[in-house]
Amino acid sequence: MEYKQVILVREDLKLPKGKMAAQSAHASVEAVLKSDKEMIKKWRSSGMAKVVLKVKDKDELYKFIQLAKDSDLVTSVITDAGRTTVEPGTVTCGAIGPDEETEIDTITGKLKLA
């Protein structure tokens, strides 16, 4: 069985690459910290796959996060402190998983790579 995590990044914010990388890392770490230790172990042993996908805006981000929650998947949503690129309180991205690849793909399988 394969495991992965997806990070959903808002396309409408047009974040610089470095900012997008930092926000994606925040989302990934936050979701892992909320995850079951056994799931983390399985994900780590399969290579800790992470895929960054784009969503068009905050509404679409929340739509996919809610679908994941409804499927009992671990999620995180990142709100920026606003020290550099965006206003304080801006929701920048979120993560789903780590979990079974097939479970996550059911929700995010049609999204495009960021």
PDB file of N, CA and C in Angstrom:
ATOM      1  N   MET A   1       0.836  -1.175   0.000  1.00  0.00           N
ATOM      2  CA  MET A   1       0.000   0.000   0.000  1.00  0.00           C
ATOM      3  C   MET A   1       0.883   1.241   0.000  1.00  0.00           C
ATOM      4  N   GLU A   2       0.459   2.257  -0.728  1.00  0.00           N
ATOM      5  CA  GLU A   2       1.199   3.510  -0.813  1.00  0.00           C
ATOM      6  C   GLU A   2       0.534   4.573   0.058  1.00  0.00           C
ATOM      7  N   TYR A   3       1.349   5.465   0.589  1.00  0.00           N
ATOM      8  CA  TYR A   3       0.883   6.536   1.457  1.00  0.00           C
ATOM      9  C   TYR A   3       1.431   7.862   0.935  1.00  0.00           C
ATOM     10  N   LYS A   4       0.679   8.938   1.196  1.00  0.00           N
ATOM     11  CA  LYS A   4       1.163  10.256   0.796  1.00  0.00           C
ATOM     12  C   LYS A   4       0.449  11.335   1.593  1.00  0.00           C
ATOM     13  N   GLN A   5       0.915  12.534   1.369  1.00  0.00           N
ATOM     14  CA  GLN A   5       0.300  13.733   1.918  1.00  0.00           C
ATOM     15  C   GLN A   5       0.148  14.708   0.761  1.00  0.00           C
ATOM     16  N   VAL A   6      -0.938  15.457   0.737  1.00  0.00           N
ATOM     17  CA  VAL A   6      -1.065  16.520  -0.256  1.00  0.00           C
ATOM     18  C   VAL A   6      -1.131  17.859   0.454  1.00  0.00           C
ATOM     19  N   ILE A   7      -0.526  18.838  -0.179  1.00  0.00           N
ATOM     20  CA  ILE A   7      -0.571  20.210   0.296  1.00  0.00           C
ATOM     21  C   ILE A   7      -1.320  21.006  -0.758  1.00  0.00           C
ATOM     22  N   LEU A   8      -2.329  21.737  -0.327  1.00  0.00           N
ATOM     23  CA  LEU A   8      -3.164  22.538  -1.223  1.00  0.00           C
ATOM     24  C   LEU A   8      -2.770  24.001  -1.071  1.00  0.00           C
ATOM     25  N   VAL A   9      -2.356  24.625  -2.165  1.00  0.00           N
ATOM     26  CA  VAL A   9      -1.881  26.010  -2.149  1.00  0.00           C
ATOM     27  C   VAL A   9      -2.826  26.875  -2.961  1.00  0.00           C
ATOM     28  N   ARG A  10      -3.195  28.025  -2.402  1.00  0.00           N
ATOM     29  CA  ARG A  10      -4.096  28.947  -3.090  1.00  0.00           C
ATOM     30  C   ARG A  10      -3.398  29.613  -4.279  1.00  0.00           C
ATOM     31  N   GLU A  11      -3.982  29.425  -5.444  1.00  0.00           N
ATOM     32  CA  GLU A  11      -3.437  29.990  -6.684  1.00  0.00           C
ATOM     33  C   GLU A  11      -3.661  31.509  -6.760  1.00  0.00           C
ATOM     34  N   ASP A  12      -4.780  31.992  -6.210  1.00  0.00           N
ATOM     35  CA  ASP A  12      -5.126  33.407  -6.324  1.00  0.00           C
ATOM     36  C   ASP A  12      -4.170  34.333  -5.583  1.00  0.00           C
ATOM     37  N   LEU A  13      -3.416  33.815  -4.616  1.00  0.00           N
ATOM     38  CA  LEU A  13      -2.486  34.654  -3.861  1.00  0.00           C
ATOM     39  C   LEU A  13      -1.190  34.926  -4.623  1.00  0.00           C
ATOM     40  N   LYS A  14      -0.894  34.098  -5.610  1.00  0.00           N
ATOM     41  CA  LYS A  14       0.325  34.249  -6.409  1.00  0.00           C
ATOM     42  C   LYS A  14       1.552  34.432  -5.501  1.00  0.00           C
ATOM     43  N   LEU A  15       1.701  33.503  -4.567  1.00  0.00           N
ATOM     44  CA  LEU A  15       2.816  33.564  -3.610  1.00  0.00           C
ATOM     45  C   LEU A  15       4.146  33.365  -4.320  1.00  0.00           C
ATOM     46  N   PRO A  16       5.180  34.113  -3.905  1.00  0.00           N
ATOM     47  CA  PRO A  16       6.517  33.841  -4.427  1.00  0.00           C
ATOM     48  C   PRO A  16       6.918  32.403  -4.046  1.00  0.00           C
ATOM     49  N   LYS A  17       7.824  31.818  -4.813  1.00  0.00           N
ATOM     50  CA  LYS A  17       8.210  30.416  -4.589  1.00  0.00           C
ATOM     51  C   LYS A  17       8.664  30.138  -3.164  1.00  0.00           C
ATOM     52  N   GLY A  18       9.478  31.009  -2.620  1.00  0.00           N
ATOM     53  CA  GLY A  18       9.975  30.804  -1.259  1.00  0.00           C
ATOM     54  C   GLY A  18       8.861  30.837  -0.229  1.00  0.00           C
ATOM     55  N   LYS A  19       7.928  31.773  -0.410  1.00  0.00           N
ATOM     56  CA  LYS A  19       6.794  31.884   0.519  1.00  0.00           C
ATOM     57  C   LYS A  19       5.903  30.651   0.398  1.00  0.00           C
ATOM     58  N   MET A  20       5.667  30.199  -0.834  1.00  0.00           N
ATOM     59  CA  MET A  20       4.858  29.008  -1.042  1.00  0.00           C
ATOM     60  C   MET A  20       5.521  27.793  -0.398  1.00  0.00           C
ATOM     61  N   ALA A  21       6.833  27.688  -0.510  1.00  0.00           N
ATOM     62  CA  ALA A  21       7.555  26.572   0.097  1.00  0.00           C
ATOM     63  C   ALA A  21       7.432  26.612   1.616  1.00  0.00           C
ATOM     64  N   ALA A  22       7.596  27.781   2.200  1.00  0.00           N
ATOM     65  CA  ALA A  22       7.506  27.905   3.656  1.00  0.00           C
ATOM     66  C   ALA A  22       6.101  27.580   4.157  1.00  0.00           C
ATOM     67  N   GLN A  23       5.098  28.097   3.473  1.00  0.00           N
ATOM     68  CA  GLN A  23       3.716  27.839   3.881  1.00  0.00           C
ATOM     69  C   GLN A  23       3.364  26.356   3.713  1.00  0.00           C
ATOM     70  N   SER A  24       3.852  25.755   2.645  1.00  0.00           N
ATOM     71  CA  SER A  24       3.630  24.323   2.424  1.00  0.00           C
ATOM     72  C   SER A  24       4.268  23.496   3.538  1.00  0.00           C
ATOM     73  N   ALA A  25       5.465  23.901   3.951  1.00  0.00           N
ATOM     74  CA  ALA A  25       6.144  23.197   5.045  1.00  0.00           C
ATOM     75  C   ALA A  25       5.344  23.323   6.337  1.00  0.00           C
ATOM     76  N   HIS A  26       4.813  24.506   6.610  1.00  0.00           N
ATOM     77  CA  HIS A  26       3.974  24.689   7.801  1.00  0.00           C
ATOM     78  C   HIS A  26       2.781  23.742   7.763  1.00  0.00           C
ATOM     79  N   ALA A  27       2.107  23.670   6.610  1.00  0.00           N
ATOM     80  CA  ALA A  27       0.928  22.812   6.482  1.00  0.00           C
ATOM     81  C   ALA A  27       1.286  21.349   6.677  1.00  0.00           C
ATOM     82  N   SER A  28       2.395  20.928   6.080  1.00  0.00           N
ATOM     83  CA  SER A  28       2.831  19.541   6.188  1.00  0.00           C
ATOM     84  C   SER A  28       3.121  19.169   7.637  1.00  0.00           C
ATOM     85  N   VAL A  29       3.926  19.984   8.296  1.00  0.00           N
ATOM     86  CA  VAL A  29       4.314  19.693   9.676  1.00  0.00           C
ATOM     87  C   VAL A  29       3.085  19.677  10.586  1.00  0.00           C
ATOM     88  N   GLU A  30       2.211  20.654  10.439  1.00  0.00           N
ATOM     89  CA  GLU A  30       1.013  20.735  11.279  1.00  0.00           C
ATOM     90  C   GLU A  30       0.154  19.475  11.145  1.00  0.00           C
ATOM     91  N   ALA A  31      -0.042  19.010   9.913  1.00  0.00           N
ATOM     92  CA  ALA A  31      -0.844  17.802   9.702  1.00  0.00           C
ATOM     93  C   ALA A  31      -0.158  16.571  10.287  1.00  0.00           C
ATOM     94  N   VAL A  32       1.142  16.466  10.126  1.00  0.00           N
ATOM     95  CA  VAL A  32       1.870  15.319  10.680  1.00  0.00           C
ATOM     96  C   VAL A  32       1.771  15.317  12.204  1.00  0.00           C
ATOM     97  N   LEU A  33       1.886  16.481  12.818  1.00  0.00           N
ATOM     98  CA  LEU A  33       1.793  16.555  14.276  1.00  0.00           C
ATOM     99  C   LEU A  33       0.428  16.098  14.795  1.00  0.00           C
ATOM    100  N   LYS A  34      -0.610  16.205  13.963  1.00  0.00           N
ATOM    101  CA  LYS A  34      -1.955  15.776  14.345  1.00  0.00           C
ATOM    102  C   LYS A  34      -2.205  14.296  14.027  1.00  0.00           C
ATOM    103  N   SER A  35      -1.299  13.666  13.295  1.00  0.00           N
ATOM    104  CA  SER A  35      -1.529  12.319  12.765  1.00  0.00           C
ATOM    105  C   SER A  35      -1.220  11.215  13.769  1.00  0.00           C
ATOM    106  N   ASP A  36      -1.850  10.086  13.543  1.00  0.00           N
ATOM    107  CA  ASP A  36      -1.635   8.875  14.317  1.00  0.00           C
ATOM    108  C   ASP A  36      -0.201   8.372  14.093  1.00  0.00           C
ATOM    109  N   LYS A  37       0.448   7.955  15.161  1.00  0.00           N
ATOM    110  CA  LYS A  37       1.849   7.514  15.077  1.00  0.00           C
ATOM    111  C   LYS A  37       2.037   6.339  14.122  1.00  0.00           C
ATOM    112  N   GLU A  38       1.089   5.423  14.088  1.00  0.00           N
ATOM    113  CA  GLU A  38       1.201   4.272  13.177  1.00  0.00           C
ATOM    114  C   GLU A  38       1.109   4.709  11.716  1.00  0.00           C
ATOM    115  N   MET A  39       0.242   5.675  11.442  1.00  0.00           N
ATOM    116  CA  MET A  39       0.119   6.191  10.073  1.00  0.00           C
ATOM    117  C   MET A  39       1.415   6.890   9.670  1.00  0.00           C
ATOM    118  N   ILE A  40       1.982   7.662  10.570  1.00  0.00           N
ATOM    119  CA  ILE A  40       3.246   8.341  10.283  1.00  0.00           C
ATOM    120  C   ILE A  40       4.330   7.313   9.985  1.00  0.00           C
ATOM    121  N   LYS A  41       4.369   6.253  10.751  1.00  0.00           N
ATOM    122  CA  LYS A  41       5.374   5.200  10.549  1.00  0.00           C
ATOM    123  C   LYS A  41       5.226   4.574   9.157  1.00  0.00           C
ATOM    124  N   LYS A  42       3.999   4.269   8.747  1.00  0.00           N
ATOM    125  CA  LYS A  42       3.748   3.683   7.413  1.00  0.00           C
ATOM    126  C   LYS A  42       4.162   4.662   6.317  1.00  0.00           C
ATOM    127  N   TRP A  43       3.792   5.922   6.497  1.00  0.00           N
ATOM    128  CA  TRP A  43       4.120   6.962   5.510  1.00  0.00           C
ATOM    129  C   TRP A  43       5.632   7.141   5.406  1.00  0.00           C
ATOM    130  N   ARG A  44       6.306   7.188   6.524  1.00  0.00           N
ATOM    131  CA  ARG A  44       7.771   7.340   6.520  1.00  0.00           C
ATOM    132  C   ARG A  44       8.445   6.162   5.824  1.00  0.00           C
ATOM    133  N   SER A  45       7.971   4.954   6.101  1.00  0.00           N
ATOM    134  CA  SER A  45       8.610   3.777   5.509  1.00  0.00           C
ATOM    135  C   SER A  45       8.331   3.667   4.010  1.00  0.00           C
ATOM    136  N   SER A  46       7.309   4.382   3.520  1.00  0.00           N
ATOM    137  CA  SER A  46       7.037   4.354   2.084  1.00  0.00           C
ATOM    138  C   SER A  46       7.626   5.564   1.355  1.00  0.00           C
ATOM    139  N   GLY A  47       8.442   6.373   2.056  1.00  0.00           N
ATOM    140  CA  GLY A  47       9.146   7.469   1.387  1.00  0.00           C
ATOM    141  C   GLY A  47       8.643   8.864   1.691  1.00  0.00           C
ATOM    142  N   MET A  48       7.632   9.000   2.532  1.00  0.00           N
ATOM    143  CA  MET A  48       7.071  10.307   2.917  1.00  0.00           C
ATOM    144  C   MET A  48       6.680  11.168   1.710  1.00  0.00           C
ATOM    145  N   ALA A  49       5.976  10.590   0.768  1.00  0.00           N
ATOM    146  CA  ALA A  49       5.562  11.328  -0.430  1.00  0.00           C
ATOM    147  C   ALA A  49       4.692  12.526  -0.065  1.00  0.00           C
ATOM    148  N   LYS A  50       5.012  13.661  -0.689  1.00  0.00           N
ATOM    149  CA  LYS A  50       4.233  14.887  -0.549  1.00  0.00           C
ATOM    150  C   LYS A  50       3.983  15.428  -1.952  1.00  0.00           C
ATOM    151  N   VAL A  51       2.751  15.842  -2.215  1.00  0.00           N
ATOM    152  CA  VAL A  51       2.401  16.392  -3.508  1.00  0.00           C
ATOM    153  C   VAL A  51       1.746  17.751  -3.271  1.00  0.00           C
ATOM    154  N   VAL A  52       2.247  18.790  -3.950  1.00  0.00           N
ATOM    155  CA  VAL A  52       1.691  20.127  -3.799  1.00  0.00           C
ATOM    156  C   VAL A  52       0.753  20.384  -4.978  1.00  0.00           C
ATOM    157  N   LEU A  53      -0.498  20.684  -4.637  1.00  0.00           N
ATOM    158  CA  LEU A  53      -1.553  20.893  -5.629  1.00  0.00           C
ATOM    159  C   LEU A  53      -2.113  22.299  -5.491  1.00  0.00           C
ATOM    160  N   LYS A  54      -2.680  22.808  -6.587  1.00  0.00           N
ATOM    161  CA  LYS A  54      -3.230  24.154  -6.514  1.00  0.00           C
ATOM    162  C   LYS A  54      -4.751  24.127  -6.441  1.00  0.00           C
ATOM    163  N   VAL A  55      -5.265  25.055  -5.632  1.00  0.00           N
ATOM    164  CA  VAL A  55      -6.696  25.334  -5.563  1.00  0.00           C
ATOM    165  C   VAL A  55      -6.863  26.796  -5.938  1.00  0.00           C
ATOM    166  N   LYS A  56      -8.025  27.151  -6.493  1.00  0.00           N
ATOM    167  CA  LYS A  56      -8.138  28.506  -7.030  1.00  0.00           C
ATOM    168  C   LYS A  56      -8.223  29.596  -5.967  1.00  0.00           C
ATOM    169  N   ASP A  57      -8.836  29.302  -4.819  1.00  0.00           N
ATOM    170  CA  ASP A  57      -9.002  30.344  -3.807  1.00  0.00           C
ATOM    171  C   ASP A  57      -9.320  29.728  -2.445  1.00  0.00           C
ATOM    172  N   LYS A  58      -9.602  30.583  -1.480  1.00  0.00           N
ATOM    173  CA  LYS A  58      -9.870  30.124  -0.119  1.00  0.00           C
ATOM    174  C   LYS A  58     -11.103  29.218  -0.066  1.00  0.00           C
ATOM    175  N   ASP A  59     -12.140  29.574  -0.810  1.00  0.00           N
ATOM    176  CA  ASP A  59     -13.353  28.756  -0.795  1.00  0.00           C
ATOM    177  C   ASP A  59     -13.079  27.338  -1.284  1.00  0.00           C
ATOM    178  N   GLU A  60     -12.306  27.222  -2.355  1.00  0.00           N
ATOM    179  CA  GLU A  60     -11.987  25.895  -2.873  1.00  0.00           C
ATOM    180  C   GLU A  60     -11.085  25.132  -1.896  1.00  0.00           C
ATOM    181  N   LEU A  61     -10.160  25.825  -1.261  1.00  0.00           N
ATOM    182  CA  LEU A  61      -9.313  25.193  -0.249  1.00  0.00           C
ATOM    183  C   LEU A  61     -10.183  24.585   0.845  1.00  0.00           C
ATOM    184  N   TYR A  62     -11.097  25.377   1.387  1.00  0.00           N
ATOM    185  CA  TYR A  62     -11.961  24.883   2.459  1.00  0.00           C
ATOM    186  C   TYR A  62     -12.873  23.751   1.994  1.00  0.00           C
ATOM    187  N   LYS A  63     -13.280  23.796   0.738  1.00  0.00           N
ATOM    188  CA  LYS A  63     -14.115  22.713   0.201  1.00  0.00           C
ATOM    189  C   LYS A  63     -13.374  21.379   0.281  1.00  0.00           C
ATOM    190  N   PHE A  64     -12.123  21.359  -0.170  1.00  0.00           N
ATOM    191  CA  PHE A  64     -11.349  20.116  -0.158  1.00  0.00           C
ATOM    192  C   PHE A  64     -10.964  19.692   1.260  1.00  0.00           C
ATOM    193  N   ILE A  65     -10.678  20.661   2.114  1.00  0.00           N
ATOM    194  CA  ILE A  65     -10.376  20.341   3.515  1.00  0.00           C
ATOM    195  C   ILE A  65     -11.606  19.703   4.170  1.00  0.00           C
ATOM    196  N   GLN A  66     -12.783  20.240   3.902  1.00  0.00           N
ATOM    197  CA  GLN A  66     -14.001  19.678   4.491  1.00  0.00           C
ATOM    198  C   GLN A  66     -14.287  18.275   3.964  1.00  0.00           C
ATOM    199  N   LEU A  67     -14.087  18.068   2.670  1.00  0.00           N
ATOM    200  CA  LEU A  67     -14.270  16.723   2.106  1.00  0.00           C
ATOM    201  C   LEU A  67     -13.334  15.724   2.784  1.00  0.00           C
ATOM    202  N   ALA A  68     -12.101  16.158   3.042  1.00  0.00           N
ATOM    203  CA  ALA A  68     -11.137  15.288   3.717  1.00  0.00           C
ATOM    204  C   ALA A  68     -11.584  15.000   5.148  1.00  0.00           C
ATOM    205  N   LYS A  69     -12.020  16.031   5.852  1.00  0.00           N
ATOM    206  CA  LYS A  69     -12.507  15.828   7.223  1.00  0.00           C
ATOM    207  C   LYS A  69     -13.694  14.874   7.240  1.00  0.00           C
ATOM    208  N   ASP A  70     -14.590  15.033   6.278  1.00  0.00           N
ATOM    209  CA  ASP A  70     -15.765  14.162   6.191  1.00  0.00           C
ATOM    210  C   ASP A  70     -15.372  12.706   5.957  1.00  0.00           C
ATOM    211  N   SER A  71     -14.179  12.492   5.396  1.00  0.00           N
ATOM    212  CA  SER A  71     -13.649  11.145   5.166  1.00  0.00           C
ATOM    213  C   SER A  71     -12.710  10.700   6.286  1.00  0.00           C
ATOM    214  N   ASP A  72     -12.721  11.433   7.394  1.00  0.00           N
ATOM    215  CA  ASP A  72     -11.893  11.119   8.566  1.00  0.00           C
ATOM    216  C   ASP A  72     -10.400  11.172   8.286  1.00  0.00           C
ATOM    217  N   LEU A  73      -9.984  12.063   7.391  1.00  0.00           N
ATOM    218  CA  LEU A  73      -8.565  12.267   7.120  1.00  0.00           C
ATOM    219  C   LEU A  73      -8.066  13.450   7.953  1.00  0.00           C
ATOM    220  N   VAL A  74      -6.807  13.387   8.342  1.00  0.00           N
ATOM    221  CA  VAL A  74      -6.194  14.480   9.089  1.00  0.00           C
ATOM    222  C   VAL A  74      -5.977  15.660   8.142  1.00  0.00           C
ATOM    223  N   THR A  75      -6.261  16.860   8.633  1.00  0.00           N
ATOM    224  CA  THR A  75      -6.071  18.064   7.827  1.00  0.00           C
ATOM    225  C   THR A  75      -5.411  19.159   8.655  1.00  0.00           C
ATOM    226  N   SER A  76      -4.878  20.132   7.951  1.00  0.00           N
ATOM    227  CA  SER A  76      -4.413  21.359   8.593  1.00  0.00           C
ATOM    228  C   SER A  76      -4.710  22.512   7.651  1.00  0.00           C
ATOM    229  N   VAL A  77      -4.905  23.689   8.216  1.00  0.00           N
ATOM    230  CA  VAL A  77      -5.080  24.914   7.442  1.00  0.00           C
ATOM    231  C   VAL A  77      -4.124  25.939   8.043  1.00  0.00           C
ATOM    232  N   ILE A  78      -3.379  26.617   7.183  1.00  0.00           N
ATOM    233  CA  ILE A  78      -2.369  27.574   7.638  1.00  0.00           C
ATOM    234  C   ILE A  78      -2.837  29.008   7.399  1.00  0.00           C
ATOM    235  N   THR A  79      -2.775  29.792   8.463  1.00  0.00           N
ATOM    236  CA  THR A  79      -3.086  31.222   8.417  1.00  0.00           C
ATOM    237  C   THR A  79      -1.784  31.974   8.653  1.00  0.00           C
ATOM    238  N   ASP A  80      -1.433  32.852   7.726  1.00  0.00           N
ATOM    239  CA  ASP A  80      -0.146  33.546   7.781  1.00  0.00           C
ATOM    240  C   ASP A  80      -0.144  34.664   8.829  1.00  0.00           C
ATOM    241  N   ALA A  81       1.008  34.858   9.422  1.00  0.00           N
ATOM    242  CA  ALA A  81       1.178  35.929  10.418  1.00  0.00           C
ATOM    243  C   ALA A  81       1.246  37.305   9.767  1.00  0.00           C
ATOM    244  N   GLY A  82       1.520  37.352   8.456  1.00  0.00           N
ATOM    245  CA  GLY A  82       1.514  38.617   7.740  1.00  0.00           C
ATOM    246  C   GLY A  82       2.757  39.464   7.890  1.00  0.00           C
ATOM    247  N   ARG A  83       3.878  38.837   8.130  1.00  0.00           N
ATOM    248  CA  ARG A  83       5.118  39.599   8.312  1.00  0.00           C
ATOM    249  C   ARG A  83       5.801  39.970   7.004  1.00  0.00           C
ATOM    250  N   THR A  84       5.457  39.294   5.910  1.00  0.00           N
ATOM    251  CA  THR A  84       6.188  39.550   4.658  1.00  0.00           C
ATOM    252  C   THR A  84       5.290  39.836   3.463  1.00  0.00           C
ATOM    253  N   THR A  85       4.622  38.829   2.942  1.00  0.00           N
ATOM    254  CA  THR A  85       3.989  38.923   1.631  1.00  0.00           C
ATOM    255  C   THR A  85       2.490  39.218   1.649  1.00  0.00           C
ATOM    256  N   VAL A  86       1.784  38.647   2.598  1.00  0.00           N
ATOM    257  CA  VAL A  86       0.320  38.778   2.630  1.00  0.00           C
ATOM    258  C   VAL A  86      -0.119  39.432   3.937  1.00  0.00           C
ATOM    259  N   GLU A  87      -1.367  39.845   3.965  1.00  0.00           N
ATOM    260  CA  GLU A  87      -1.931  40.475   5.161  1.00  0.00           C
ATOM    261  C   GLU A  87      -2.031  39.468   6.308  1.00  0.00           C
ATOM    262  N   PRO A  88      -1.877  39.943   7.557  1.00  0.00           N
ATOM    263  CA  PRO A  88      -2.054  39.042   8.699  1.00  0.00           C
ATOM    264  C   PRO A  88      -3.422  38.362   8.644  1.00  0.00           C
ATOM    265  N   GLY A  89      -3.443  37.074   8.959  1.00  0.00           N
ATOM    266  CA  GLY A  89      -4.693  36.327   8.971  1.00  0.00           C
ATOM    267  C   GLY A  89      -5.090  35.708   7.641  1.00  0.00           C
ATOM    268  N   THR A  90      -4.251  35.888   6.616  1.00  0.00           N
ATOM    269  CA  THR A  90      -4.560  35.305   5.313  1.00  0.00           C
ATOM    270  C   THR A  90      -4.372  33.794   5.353  1.00  0.00           C
ATOM    271  N   VAL A  91      -5.403  33.060   4.943  1.00  0.00           N
ATOM    272  CA  VAL A  91      -5.299  31.608   4.824  1.00  0.00           C
ATOM    273  C   VAL A  91      -4.541  31.325   3.533  1.00  0.00           C
ATOM    274  N   THR A  92      -3.394  30.646   3.636  1.00  0.00           N
ATOM    275  CA  THR A  92      -2.525  30.440   2.471  1.00  0.00           C
ATOM    276  C   THR A  92      -2.610  29.041   1.878  1.00  0.00           C
ATOM    277  N   CYS A  93      -2.723  28.029   2.740  1.00  0.00           N
ATOM    278  CA  CYS A  93      -2.694  26.656   2.239  1.00  0.00           C
ATOM    279  C   CYS A  93      -3.196  25.696   3.306  1.00  0.00           C
ATOM    280  N   GLY A  94      -3.263  24.433   2.923  1.00  0.00           N
ATOM    281  CA  GLY A  94      -3.671  23.394   3.857  1.00  0.00           C
ATOM    282  C   GLY A  94      -3.050  22.079   3.445  1.00  0.00           C
ATOM    283  N   ALA A  95      -3.167  21.090   4.312  1.00  0.00           N
ATOM    284  CA  ALA A  95      -2.636  19.762   4.014  1.00  0.00           C
ATOM    285  C   ALA A  95      -3.678  18.709   4.348  1.00  0.00           C
ATOM    286  N   ILE A  96      -3.583  17.598   3.628  1.00  0.00           N
ATOM    287  CA  ILE A  96      -4.412  16.422   3.887  1.00  0.00           C
ATOM    288  C   ILE A  96      -3.470  15.233   4.014  1.00  0.00           C
ATOM    289  N   GLY A  97      -3.610  14.509   5.109  1.00  0.00           N
ATOM    290  CA  GLY A  97      -2.774  13.347   5.331  1.00  0.00           C
ATOM    291  C   GLY A  97      -1.545  13.704   6.142  1.00  0.00           C
ATOM    292  N   PRO A  98      -0.686  12.718   6.298  1.00  0.00           N
ATOM    293  CA  PRO A  98      -0.506  11.510   5.490  1.00  0.00           C
ATOM    294  C   PRO A  98      -1.581  10.455   5.743  1.00  0.00           C
ATOM    295  N   ASP A  99      -1.867   9.727   4.648  1.00  0.00           N
ATOM    296  CA  ASP A  99      -2.811   8.624   4.701  1.00  0.00           C
ATOM    297  C   ASP A  99      -2.639   7.792   3.441  1.00  0.00           C
ATOM    298  N   GLU A 100      -3.519   6.806   3.289  1.00  0.00           N
ATOM    299  CA  GLU A 100      -3.451   5.957   2.106  1.00  0.00           C
ATOM    300  C   GLU A 100      -3.676   6.801   0.854  1.00  0.00           C
ATOM    301  N   GLU A 101      -2.846   6.576  -0.125  1.00  0.00           N
ATOM    302  CA  GLU A 101      -2.904   7.336  -1.370  1.00  0.00           C
ATOM    303  C   GLU A 101      -4.289   7.282  -2.010  1.00  0.00           C
ATOM    304  N   THR A 102      -4.903   6.096  -2.019  1.00  0.00           N
ATOM    305  CA  THR A 102      -6.219   5.950  -2.651  1.00  0.00           C
ATOM    306  C   THR A 102      -7.283   6.785  -1.946  1.00  0.00           C
ATOM    307  N   GLU A 103      -7.188   6.887  -0.617  1.00  0.00           N
ATOM    308  CA  GLU A 103      -8.147   7.693   0.149  1.00  0.00           C
ATOM    309  C   GLU A 103      -8.015   9.174  -0.219  1.00  0.00           C
ATOM    310  N   ILE A 104      -6.792   9.653  -0.280  1.00  0.00           N
ATOM    311  CA  ILE A 104      -6.556  11.066  -0.587  1.00  0.00           C
ATOM    312  C   ILE A 104      -6.905  11.361  -2.049  1.00  0.00           C
ATOM    313  N   ASP A 105      -6.543  10.463  -2.958  1.00  0.00           N
ATOM    314  CA  ASP A 105      -6.824  10.672  -4.382  1.00  0.00           C
ATOM    315  C   ASP A 105      -8.312  10.741  -4.677  1.00  0.00           C
ATOM    316  N   THR A 106      -9.131  10.071  -3.875  1.00  0.00           N
ATOM    317  CA  THR A 106     -10.586  10.155  -4.043  1.00  0.00           C
ATOM    318  C   THR A 106     -11.055  11.608  -3.930  1.00  0.00           C
ATOM    319  N   ILE A 107     -10.363  12.366  -3.100  1.00  0.00           N
ATOM    320  CA  ILE A 107     -10.745  13.769  -2.855  1.00  0.00           C
ATOM    321  C   ILE A 107     -10.016  14.736  -3.767  1.00  0.00           C
ATOM    322  N   THR A 108      -8.711  14.546  -3.942  1.00  0.00           N
ATOM    323  CA  THR A 108      -7.897  15.552  -4.638  1.00  0.00           C
ATOM    324  C   THR A 108      -7.351  15.091  -5.986  1.00  0.00           C
ATOM    325  N   GLY A 109      -7.755  13.930  -6.435  1.00  0.00           N
ATOM    326  CA  GLY A 109      -7.168  13.324  -7.643  1.00  0.00           C
ATOM    327  C   GLY A 109      -7.293  14.122  -8.916  1.00  0.00           C
ATOM    328  N   LYS A 110      -8.232  15.057  -8.988  1.00  0.00           N
ATOM    329  CA  LYS A 110      -8.407  15.842 -10.217  1.00  0.00           C
ATOM    330  C   LYS A 110      -7.710  17.201 -10.178  1.00  0.00           C
ATOM    331  N   LEU A 111      -7.105  17.539  -9.045  1.00  0.00           N
ATOM    332  CA  LEU A 111      -6.391  18.819  -8.941  1.00  0.00           C
ATOM    333  C   LEU A 111      -5.054  18.758  -9.677  1.00  0.00           C
ATOM    334  N   LYS A 112      -4.591  19.934 -10.111  1.00  0.00           N
ATOM    335  CA  LYS A 112      -3.326  20.027 -10.854  1.00  0.00           C
ATOM    336  C   LYS A 112      -2.180  20.379  -9.913  1.00  0.00           C
ATOM    337  N   LEU A 113      -0.972  19.961 -10.329  1.00  0.00           N
ATOM    338  CA  LEU A 113       0.225  20.268  -9.557  1.00  0.00           C
ATOM    339  C   LEU A 113       0.451  21.788  -9.499  1.00  0.00           C
ATOM    340  N   ALA A 114       0.942  22.248  -8.361  1.00  0.00           N
ATOM    341  CA  ALA A 114       1.236  23.678  -8.207  1.00  0.00           C
ATOM    342  C   ALA A 114       2.570  23.995  -8.857  1.00  0.00           C
TER     343      ALA A 114
END
